[in-house]
PDB file of N, CA and C in Angstrom:
ATOM      1  N   MET A   1      18.909 -57.969  -1.773  1.00  0.00           N
ATOM      2  CA  MET A   1      17.968 -58.820  -1.078  1.00  0.00           C
ATOM      3  C   MET A   1      18.597 -60.191  -0.912  1.00  0.00           C
ATOM      4  N   ARG A   2      18.241 -60.833   0.183  1.00  0.00           N
ATOM      5  CA  ARG A   2      18.688 -62.196   0.406  1.00  0.00           C
ATOM      6  C   ARG A   2      17.536 -62.978   1.023  1.00  0.00           C
ATOM      7  N   SER A   3      17.627 -64.287   0.979  1.00  0.00           N
ATOM      8  CA  SER A   3      16.619 -65.147   1.579  1.00  0.00           C
ATOM      9  C   SER A   3      17.235 -65.935   2.716  1.00  0.00           C
ATOM     10  N   GLU A   4      16.541 -65.979   3.821  1.00  0.00           N
ATOM     11  CA  GLU A   4      16.946 -66.762   4.976  1.00  0.00           C
ATOM     12  C   GLU A   4      15.697 -67.326   5.628  1.00  0.00           C
ATOM     13  N   ASP A   5      15.878 -68.394   6.367  1.00  0.00           N
ATOM     14  CA  ASP A   5      14.771 -68.953   7.124  1.00  0.00           C
ATOM     15  C   ASP A   5      14.552 -68.129   8.381  1.00  0.00           C
ATOM     16  N   VAL A   6      13.305 -67.904   8.719  1.00  0.00           N
ATOM     17  CA  VAL A   6      12.952 -67.261   9.981  1.00  0.00           C
ATOM     18  C   VAL A   6      12.045 -68.217  10.748  1.00  0.00           C
ATOM     19  N   GLU A   7      12.078 -68.098  12.057  1.00  0.00           N
ATOM     20  CA  GLU A   7      11.172 -68.890  12.883  1.00  0.00           C
ATOM     21  C   GLU A   7       9.880 -68.097  13.046  1.00  0.00           C
ATOM     22  N   ILE A   8       8.769 -68.718  12.712  1.00  0.00           N
ATOM     23  CA  ILE A   8       7.471 -68.049  12.821  1.00  0.00           C
ATOM     24  C   ILE A   8       6.730 -68.640  14.015  1.00  0.00           C
ATOM     25  N   PHE A   9       6.499 -67.801  15.015  1.00  0.00           N
ATOM     26  CA  PHE A   9       5.820 -68.231  16.228  1.00  0.00           C
ATOM     27  C   PHE A   9       4.309 -68.046  16.108  1.00  0.00           C
ATOM     28  N   SER A  10       3.907 -67.060  15.347  1.00  0.00           N
ATOM     29  CA  SER A  10       2.492 -66.792  15.087  1.00  0.00           C
ATOM     30  C   SER A  10       2.397 -66.099  13.740  1.00  0.00           C
ATOM     31  N   ASP A  11       1.448 -66.534  12.918  1.00  0.00           N
ATOM     32  CA  ASP A  11       1.248 -65.851  11.639  1.00  0.00           C
ATOM     33  C   ASP A  11      -0.111 -65.145  11.608  1.00  0.00           C
ATOM     34  N   MET A  12      -0.500 -64.654  12.785  1.00  0.00           N
ATOM     35  CA  MET A  12      -1.751 -63.897  12.892  1.00  0.00           C
ATOM     36  C   MET A  12      -1.701 -62.714  11.921  1.00  0.00           C
ATOM     37  N   THR A  13      -2.781 -62.476  11.216  1.00  0.00           N
ATOM     38  CA  THR A  13      -2.853 -61.387  10.252  1.00  0.00           C
ATOM     39  C   THR A  13      -2.502 -60.062  10.928  1.00  0.00           C
ATOM     40  N   ASN A  14      -1.614 -59.312  10.301  1.00  0.00           N
ATOM     41  CA  ASN A  14      -1.160 -57.996  10.765  1.00  0.00           C
ATOM     42  C   ASN A  14      -0.419 -58.029  12.100  1.00  0.00           C
ATOM     43  N   ALA A  15      -0.024 -59.214  12.561  1.00  0.00           N
ATOM     44  CA  ALA A  15       0.704 -59.299  13.831  1.00  0.00           C
ATOM     45  C   ALA A  15       1.555 -60.566  13.882  1.00  0.00           C
ATOM     46  N   ALA A  16       2.214 -60.902  12.781  1.00  0.00           N
ATOM     47  CA  ALA A  16       3.055 -62.095  12.760  1.00  0.00           C
ATOM     48  C   ALA A  16       4.224 -61.906  13.724  1.00  0.00           C
ATOM     49  N   VAL A  17       4.506 -62.943  14.493  1.00  0.00           N
ATOM     50  CA  VAL A  17       5.629 -62.921  15.427  1.00  0.00           C
ATOM     51  C   VAL A  17       6.679 -63.883  14.889  1.00  0.00           C
ATOM     52  N   MET A  18       7.877 -63.368  14.660  1.00  0.00           N
ATOM     53  CA  MET A  18       8.929 -64.203  14.083  1.00  0.00           C
ATOM     54  C   MET A  18      10.289 -63.796  14.629  1.00  0.00           C
ATOM     55  N   ARG A  19      11.234 -64.734  14.509  1.00  0.00           N
ATOM     56  CA  ARG A  19      12.592 -64.452  14.952  1.00  0.00           C
ATOM     57  C   ARG A  19      13.529 -64.553  13.763  1.00  0.00           C
ATOM     58  N   HIS A  20      14.257 -63.483  13.546  1.00  0.00           N
ATOM     59  CA  HIS A  20      15.246 -63.405  12.478  1.00  0.00           C
ATOM     60  C   HIS A  20      16.467 -64.217  12.895  1.00  0.00           C
ATOM     61  N   PRO A  21      17.138 -64.888  11.965  1.00  0.00           N
ATOM     62  CA  PRO A  21      18.329 -65.662  12.311  1.00  0.00           C
ATOM     63  C   PRO A  21      19.367 -64.801  13.040  1.00  0.00           C
ATOM     64  N   GLY A  22      19.932 -65.352  14.077  1.00  0.00           N
ATOM     65  CA  GLY A  22      20.959 -64.658  14.828  1.00  0.00           C
ATOM     66  C   GLY A  22      20.430 -63.741  15.920  1.00  0.00           C
ATOM     67  N   ARG A  23      19.135 -63.603  16.028  1.00  0.00           N
ATOM     68  CA  ARG A  23      18.548 -62.738  17.053  1.00  0.00           C
ATOM     69  C   ARG A  23      18.050 -63.595  18.209  1.00  0.00           C
ATOM     70  N   LYS A  24      18.159 -63.067  19.419  1.00  0.00           N
ATOM     71  CA  LYS A  24      17.719 -63.813  20.597  1.00  0.00           C
ATOM     72  C   LYS A  24      16.205 -63.793  20.746  1.00  0.00           C
ATOM     73  N   PHE A  25      15.617 -62.632  20.517  1.00  0.00           N
ATOM     74  CA  PHE A  25      14.187 -62.483  20.746  1.00  0.00           C
ATOM     75  C   PHE A  25      13.422 -62.283  19.438  1.00  0.00           C
ATOM     76  N   PRO A  26      12.197 -62.796  19.380  1.00  0.00           N
ATOM     77  CA  PRO A  26      11.350 -62.565  18.205  1.00  0.00           C
ATOM     78  C   PRO A  26      10.896 -61.112  18.135  1.00  0.00           C
ATOM     79  N   GLY A  27      10.425 -60.738  16.970  1.00  0.00           N
ATOM     80  CA  GLY A  27       9.838 -59.422  16.762  1.00  0.00           C
ATOM     81  C   GLY A  27       8.459 -59.585  16.143  1.00  0.00           C
ATOM     82  N   ILE A  28       7.811 -58.480  15.928  1.00  0.00           N
ATOM     83  CA  ILE A  28       6.489 -58.506  15.308  1.00  0.00           C
ATOM     84  C   ILE A  28       6.575 -57.815  13.955  1.00  0.00           C
ATOM     85  N   LEU A  29       5.965 -58.399  12.964  1.00  0.00           N
ATOM     86  CA  LEU A  29       5.973 -57.841  11.616  1.00  0.00           C
ATOM     87  C   LEU A  29       4.771 -56.922  11.467  1.00  0.00           C
ATOM     88  N   VAL A  30       5.052 -55.661  11.167  1.00  0.00           N
ATOM     89  CA  VAL A  30       3.990 -54.680  10.933  1.00  0.00           C
ATOM     90  C   VAL A  30       4.007 -54.351   9.445  1.00  0.00           C
ATOM     91  N   ARG A  31       2.892 -54.547   8.790  1.00  0.00           N
ATOM     92  CA  ARG A  31       2.815 -54.239   7.364  1.00  0.00           C
ATOM     93  C   ARG A  31       2.948 -52.741   7.146  1.00  0.00           C
ATOM     94  N   GLY A  32       3.463 -52.388   5.972  1.00  0.00           N
ATOM     95  CA  GLY A  32       3.708 -50.991   5.647  1.00  0.00           C
ATOM     96  C   GLY A  32       2.477 -50.109   5.717  1.00  0.00           C
ATOM     97  N   ASP A  33       1.337 -50.619   5.249  1.00  0.00           N
ATOM     98  CA  ASP A  33       0.134 -49.778   5.293  1.00  0.00           C
ATOM     99  C   ASP A  33      -0.314 -49.539   6.730  1.00  0.00           C
ATOM    100  N   ASN A  34      -0.123 -50.525   7.592  1.00  0.00           N
ATOM    101  CA  ASN A  34      -0.468 -50.330   8.999  1.00  0.00           C
ATOM    102  C   ASN A  34       0.508 -49.373   9.675  1.00  0.00           C
ATOM    103  N   LEU A  35       1.787 -49.459   9.326  1.00  0.00           N
ATOM    104  CA  LEU A  35       2.782 -48.538   9.872  1.00  0.00           C
ATOM    105  C   LEU A  35       2.469 -47.109   9.451  1.00  0.00           C
ATOM    106  N   TYR A  36       2.075 -46.930   8.194  1.00  0.00           N
ATOM    107  CA  TYR A  36       1.702 -45.602   7.713  1.00  0.00           C
ATOM    108  C   TYR A  36       0.514 -45.061   8.500  1.00  0.00           C
ATOM    109  N   ALA A  37      -0.476 -45.913   8.756  1.00  0.00           N
ATOM    110  CA  ALA A  37      -1.648 -45.491   9.528  1.00  0.00           C
ATOM    111  C   ALA A  37      -1.245 -45.096  10.950  1.00  0.00           C
ATOM    112  N   MET A  38      -0.314 -45.830  11.554  1.00  0.00           N
ATOM    113  CA  MET A  38       0.159 -45.476  12.897  1.00  0.00           C
ATOM    114  C   MET A  38       0.855 -44.116  12.893  1.00  0.00           C
ATOM    115  N   CYS A  39       1.635 -43.856  11.846  1.00  0.00           N
ATOM    116  CA  CYS A  39       2.316 -42.563  11.730  1.00  0.00           C
ATOM    117  C   CYS A  39       1.309 -41.422  11.656  1.00  0.00           C
ATOM    118  N   LEU A  40       0.282 -41.608  10.863  1.00  0.00           N
ATOM    119  CA  LEU A  40      -0.738 -40.563  10.739  1.00  0.00           C
ATOM    120  C   LEU A  40      -1.470 -40.349  12.054  1.00  0.00           C
ATOM    121  N   ARG A  41      -1.773 -41.438  12.751  1.00  0.00           N
ATOM    122  CA  ARG A  41      -2.447 -41.315  14.053  1.00  0.00           C
ATOM    123  C   ARG A  41      -1.547 -40.604  15.061  1.00  0.00           C
ATOM    124  N   ALA A  42      -0.253 -40.888  15.013  1.00  0.00           N
ATOM    125  CA  ALA A  42       0.686 -40.205  15.914  1.00  0.00           C
ATOM    126  C   ALA A  42       0.744 -38.712  15.601  1.00  0.00           C
ATOM    127  N   ASP A  43       0.677 -38.361  14.308  1.00  0.00           N
ATOM    128  CA  ASP A  43       0.637 -36.942  13.926  1.00  0.00           C
ATOM    129  C   ASP A  43      -0.584 -36.260  14.530  1.00  0.00           C
ATOM    130  N   VAL A  44      -1.732 -36.912  14.405  1.00  0.00           N
ATOM    131  CA  VAL A  44      -2.982 -36.348  14.933  1.00  0.00           C
ATOM    132  C   VAL A  44      -2.903 -36.207  16.450  1.00  0.00           C
ATOM    133  N   ALA A  45      -2.375 -37.224  17.117  1.00  0.00           N
ATOM    134  CA  ALA A  45      -2.261 -37.181  18.585  1.00  0.00           C
ATOM    135  C   ALA A  45      -1.365 -36.024  19.018  1.00  0.00           C
ATOM    136  N   CYS A  46      -0.223 -35.855  18.348  1.00  0.00           N
ATOM    137  CA  CYS A  46       0.671 -34.747  18.693  1.00  0.00           C
ATOM    138  C   CYS A  46      -0.010 -33.405  18.466  1.00  0.00           C
ATOM    139  N   GLU A  47      -0.759 -33.310  17.385  1.00  0.00           N
ATOM    140  CA  GLU A  47      -1.464 -32.066  17.088  1.00  0.00           C
ATOM    141  C   GLU A  47      -2.506 -31.765  18.165  1.00  0.00           C
ATOM    142  N   LYS A  48      -3.229 -32.800  18.607  1.00  0.00           N
ATOM    143  CA  LYS A  48      -4.266 -32.600  19.626  1.00  0.00           C
ATOM    144  C   LYS A  48      -3.678 -32.272  20.988  1.00  0.00           C
ATOM    145  N   VAL A  49      -2.559 -32.904  21.333  1.00  0.00           N
ATOM    146  CA  VAL A  49      -1.928 -32.646  22.628  1.00  0.00           C
ATOM    147  C   VAL A  49      -1.312 -31.260  22.641  1.00  0.00           C
ATOM    148  N   GLY A  50      -0.613 -30.916  21.567  1.00  0.00           N
ATOM    149  CA  GLY A  50      -0.033 -29.582  21.444  1.00  0.00           C
ATOM    150  C   GLY A  50       1.338 -29.455  22.082  1.00  0.00           C
ATOM    151  N   ARG A  51       2.213 -28.795  21.358  1.00  0.00           N
ATOM    152  CA  ARG A  51       3.580 -28.545  21.820  1.00  0.00           C
ATOM    153  C   ARG A  51       3.532 -27.771  23.139  1.00  0.00           C
ATOM    154  N   GLY A  52       4.383 -28.137  24.083  1.00  0.00           N
ATOM    155  CA  GLY A  52       4.435 -27.465  25.369  1.00  0.00           C
ATOM    156  C   GLY A  52       3.555 -28.097  26.428  1.00  0.00           C
ATOM    157  N   THR A  53       2.668 -28.989  26.028  1.00  0.00           N
ATOM    158  CA  THR A  53       1.802 -29.694  26.965  1.00  0.00           C
ATOM    159  C   THR A  53       2.586 -30.831  27.613  1.00  0.00           C
ATOM    160  N   PRO A  54       2.377 -31.095  28.902  1.00  0.00           N
ATOM    161  CA  PRO A  54       3.070 -32.226  29.524  1.00  0.00           C
ATOM    162  C   PRO A  54       2.812 -33.520  28.748  1.00  0.00           C
ATOM    163  N   GLY A  55       3.867 -34.248  28.481  1.00  0.00           N
ATOM    164  CA  GLY A  55       3.759 -35.500  27.743  1.00  0.00           C
ATOM    165  C   GLY A  55       3.987 -35.360  26.252  1.00  0.00           C
ATOM    166  N   TYR A  56       3.970 -34.128  25.763  1.00  0.00           N
ATOM    167  CA  TYR A  56       4.127 -33.925  24.324  1.00  0.00           C
ATOM    168  C   TYR A  56       5.478 -34.439  23.826  1.00  0.00           C
ATOM    169  N   GLU A  57       6.548 -34.151  24.542  1.00  0.00           N
ATOM    170  CA  GLU A  57       7.879 -34.551  24.085  1.00  0.00           C
ATOM    171  C   GLU A  57       7.981 -36.072  23.954  1.00  0.00           C
ATOM    172  N   ASP A  58       7.410 -36.809  24.906  1.00  0.00           N
ATOM    173  CA  ASP A  58       7.420 -38.274  24.820  1.00  0.00           C
ATOM    174  C   ASP A  58       6.609 -38.753  23.621  1.00  0.00           C
ATOM    175  N   LEU A  59       5.436 -38.179  23.439  1.00  0.00           N
ATOM    176  CA  LEU A  59       4.589 -38.545  22.307  1.00  0.00           C
ATOM    177  C   LEU A  59       5.261 -38.207  20.987  1.00  0.00           C
ATOM    178  N   ASN A  60       5.892 -37.056  20.919  1.00  0.00           N
ATOM    179  CA  ASN A  60       6.582 -36.656  19.706  1.00  0.00           C
ATOM    180  C   ASN A  60       7.771 -37.572  19.427  1.00  0.00           C
ATOM    181  N   GLY A  61       8.449 -38.034  20.464  1.00  0.00           N
ATOM    182  CA  GLY A  61       9.538 -38.997  20.293  1.00  0.00           C
ATOM    183  C   GLY A  61       9.036 -40.300  19.692  1.00  0.00           C
ATOM    184  N   LEU A  62       7.884 -40.751  20.160  1.00  0.00           N
ATOM    185  CA  LEU A  62       7.272 -41.951  19.590  1.00  0.00           C
ATOM    186  C   LEU A  62       6.907 -41.725  18.131  1.00  0.00           C
ATOM    187  N   ARG A  63       6.322 -40.583  17.853  1.00  0.00           N
ATOM    188  CA  ARG A  63       5.962 -40.250  16.472  1.00  0.00           C
ATOM    189  C   ARG A  63       7.198 -40.237  15.581  1.00  0.00           C
ATOM    190  N   ASN A  64       8.263 -39.640  16.033  1.00  0.00           N
ATOM    191  CA  ASN A  64       9.487 -39.582  15.234  1.00  0.00           C
ATOM    192  C   ASN A  64      10.063 -40.969  14.984  1.00  0.00           C
ATOM    193  N   THR A  65       9.981 -41.853  15.968  1.00  0.00           N
ATOM    194  CA  THR A  65      10.459 -43.224  15.793  1.00  0.00           C
ATOM    195  C   THR A  65       9.634 -43.943  14.736  1.00  0.00           C
ATOM    196  N   LEU A  66       8.317 -43.806  14.801  1.00  0.00           N
ATOM    197  CA  LEU A  66       7.451 -44.443  13.804  1.00  0.00           C
ATOM    198  C   LEU A  66       7.767 -43.930  12.407  1.00  0.00           C
ATOM    199  N   TRP A  67       7.906 -42.620  12.260  1.00  0.00           N
ATOM    200  CA  TRP A  67       8.219 -42.049  10.944  1.00  0.00           C
ATOM    201  C   TRP A  67       9.590 -42.499  10.453  1.00  0.00           C
ATOM    202  N   SER A  68      10.531 -42.681  11.359  1.00  0.00           N
ATOM    203  CA  SER A  68      11.847 -43.176  10.974  1.00  0.00           C
ATOM    204  C   SER A  68      11.743 -44.594  10.404  1.00  0.00           C
ATOM    205  N   TYR A  69      10.962 -45.450  11.069  1.00  0.00           N
ATOM    206  CA  TYR A  69      10.727 -46.798  10.543  1.00  0.00           C
ATOM    207  C   TYR A  69      10.060 -46.742   9.177  1.00  0.00           C
ATOM    208  N   LEU A  70       9.063 -45.873   9.042  1.00  0.00           N
ATOM    209  CA  LEU A  70       8.350 -45.788   7.767  1.00  0.00           C
ATOM    210  C   LEU A  70       9.269 -45.277   6.661  1.00  0.00           C
ATOM    211  N   ASN A  71      10.084 -44.296   6.951  1.00  0.00           N
ATOM    212  CA  ASN A  71      11.003 -43.785   5.928  1.00  0.00           C
ATOM    213  C   ASN A  71      12.003 -44.848   5.496  1.00  0.00           C
ATOM    214  N   HIS A  72      12.477 -45.642   6.435  1.00  0.00           N
ATOM    215  CA  HIS A  72      13.373 -46.756   6.090  1.00  0.00           C
ATOM    216  C   HIS A  72      12.641 -47.774   5.207  1.00  0.00           C
ATOM    217  N   TYR A  73      11.412 -48.089   5.569  1.00  0.00           N
ATOM    218  CA  TYR A  73      10.577 -49.016   4.793  1.00  0.00           C
ATOM    219  C   TYR A  73      10.400 -48.505   3.360  1.00  0.00           C
ATOM    220  N   LYS A  74      10.045 -47.227   3.234  1.00  0.00           N
ATOM    221  CA  LYS A  74       9.808 -46.648   1.912  1.00  0.00           C
ATOM    222  C   LYS A  74      11.074 -46.647   1.060  1.00  0.00           C
ATOM    223  N   SER A  75      12.209 -46.274   1.643  1.00  0.00           N
ATOM    224  CA  SER A  75      13.440 -46.242   0.860  1.00  0.00           C
ATOM    225  C   SER A  75      13.883 -47.649   0.466  1.00  0.00           C
ATOM    226  N   THR A  76      13.655 -48.618   1.330  1.00  0.00           N
ATOM    227  CA  THR A  76      14.005 -50.004   1.004  1.00  0.00           C
ATOM    228  C   THR A  76      13.147 -50.519  -0.144  1.00  0.00           C
ATOM    229  N   LEU A  77      11.842 -50.254  -0.101  1.00  0.00           N
ATOM    230  CA  LEU A  77      10.987 -50.681  -1.202  1.00  0.00           C
ATOM    231  C   LEU A  77      11.401 -50.001  -2.494  1.00  0.00           C
ATOM    232  N   ASP A  78      11.729 -48.714  -2.426  1.00  0.00           N
ATOM    233  CA  ASP A  78      12.155 -47.968  -3.599  1.00  0.00           C
ATOM    234  C   ASP A  78      13.435 -48.564  -4.199  1.00  0.00           C
ATOM    235  N   GLU A  79      14.388 -48.916  -3.345  1.00  0.00           N
ATOM    236  CA  GLU A  79      15.641 -49.521  -3.816  1.00  0.00           C
ATOM    237  C   GLU A  79      15.399 -50.823  -4.572  1.00  0.00           C
ATOM    238  N   HIS A  80      14.321 -51.510  -4.234  1.00  0.00           N
ATOM    239  CA  HIS A  80      14.019 -52.796  -4.856  1.00  0.00           C
ATOM    240  C   HIS A  80      12.907 -52.697  -5.895  1.00  0.00           C
ATOM    241  N   GLY A  81      12.515 -51.480  -6.252  1.00  0.00           N
ATOM    242  CA  GLY A  81      11.516 -51.286  -7.296  1.00  0.00           C
ATOM    243  C   GLY A  81      10.123 -51.769  -6.927  1.00  0.00           C
ATOM    244  N   ILE A  82       9.797 -51.696  -5.641  1.00  0.00           N
ATOM    245  CA  ILE A  82       8.489 -52.143  -5.162  1.00  0.00           C
ATOM    246  C   ILE A  82       7.662 -50.918  -4.797  1.00  0.00           C
ATOM    247  N   GLY A  83       6.429 -50.867  -5.278  1.00  0.00           N
ATOM    248  CA  GLY A  83       5.545 -49.750  -4.962  1.00  0.00           C
ATOM    249  C   GLY A  83       5.039 -49.812  -3.537  1.00  0.00           C
ATOM    250  N   LEU A  84       4.587 -48.670  -3.046  1.00  0.00           N
ATOM    251  CA  LEU A  84       4.053 -48.605  -1.691  1.00  0.00           C
ATOM    252  C   LEU A  84       2.669 -49.238  -1.626  1.00  0.00           C
ATOM    253  N   PRO A  85       2.345 -49.896  -0.499  1.00  0.00           N
ATOM    254  CA  PRO A  85       1.026 -50.504  -0.356  1.00  0.00           C
ATOM    255  C   PRO A  85      -0.022 -49.534   0.189  1.00  0.00           C
ATOM    256  N   PHE A  86       0.260 -48.254   0.077  1.00  0.00           N
ATOM    257  CA  PHE A  86      -0.664 -47.234   0.570  1.00  0.00           C
ATOM    258  C   PHE A  86      -0.480 -45.974  -0.259  1.00  0.00           C
ATOM    259  N   SER A  87      -1.479 -45.113  -0.206  1.00  0.00           N
ATOM    260  CA  SER A  87      -1.403 -43.817  -0.888  1.00  0.00           C
ATOM    261  C   SER A  87      -1.044 -42.768   0.152  1.00  0.00           C
ATOM    262  N   GLU A  88      -0.007 -41.991  -0.112  1.00  0.00           N
ATOM    263  CA  GLU A  88       0.394 -40.963   0.840  1.00  0.00           C
ATOM    264  C   GLU A  88      -0.543 -39.765   0.825  1.00  0.00           C
ATOM    265  N   ASP A  89      -1.556 -39.784  -0.032  1.00  0.00           N
ATOM    266  CA  ASP A  89      -2.550 -38.723  -0.062  1.00  0.00           C
ATOM    267  C   ASP A  89      -3.615 -38.936   1.028  1.00  0.00           C
ATOM    268  N   ARG A  90      -3.650 -40.153   1.579  1.00  0.00           N
ATOM    269  CA  ARG A  90      -4.686 -40.510   2.562  1.00  0.00           C
ATOM    270  C   ARG A  90      -4.370 -39.888   3.907  1.00  0.00           C
ATOM    271  N   ARG A  91      -5.335 -39.233   4.480  1.00  0.00           N
ATOM    272  CA  ARG A  91      -5.217 -38.640   5.820  1.00  0.00           C
ATOM    273  C   ARG A  91      -6.421 -39.064   6.647  1.00  0.00           C
ATOM    274  N   PHE A  92      -6.240 -39.036   7.962  1.00  0.00           N
ATOM    275  CA  PHE A  92      -7.343 -39.377   8.869  1.00  0.00           C
ATOM    276  C   PHE A  92      -8.116 -38.150   9.248  1.00  0.00           C
TER     277      PHE A  92
END
């Protein structure tokens, strides 16, 4: 872990907009529990749309991207001995 200054353009709850040093454009900070909820919603959406339905592949690609972010988040917290801010037993 390291500490650096970031530029904070908005610190709106659950939607902070900030720019990491060395980056041209700001990004949005999504909390881990909200990211987990998005992953679960994407799972439900894919299930409802169904494989083979037009648009499913695009939706599934989005779902896979979200899960990739969440898996990176979880492994990073684990490496630093930080517990998850959500229970993986929770489903929608």
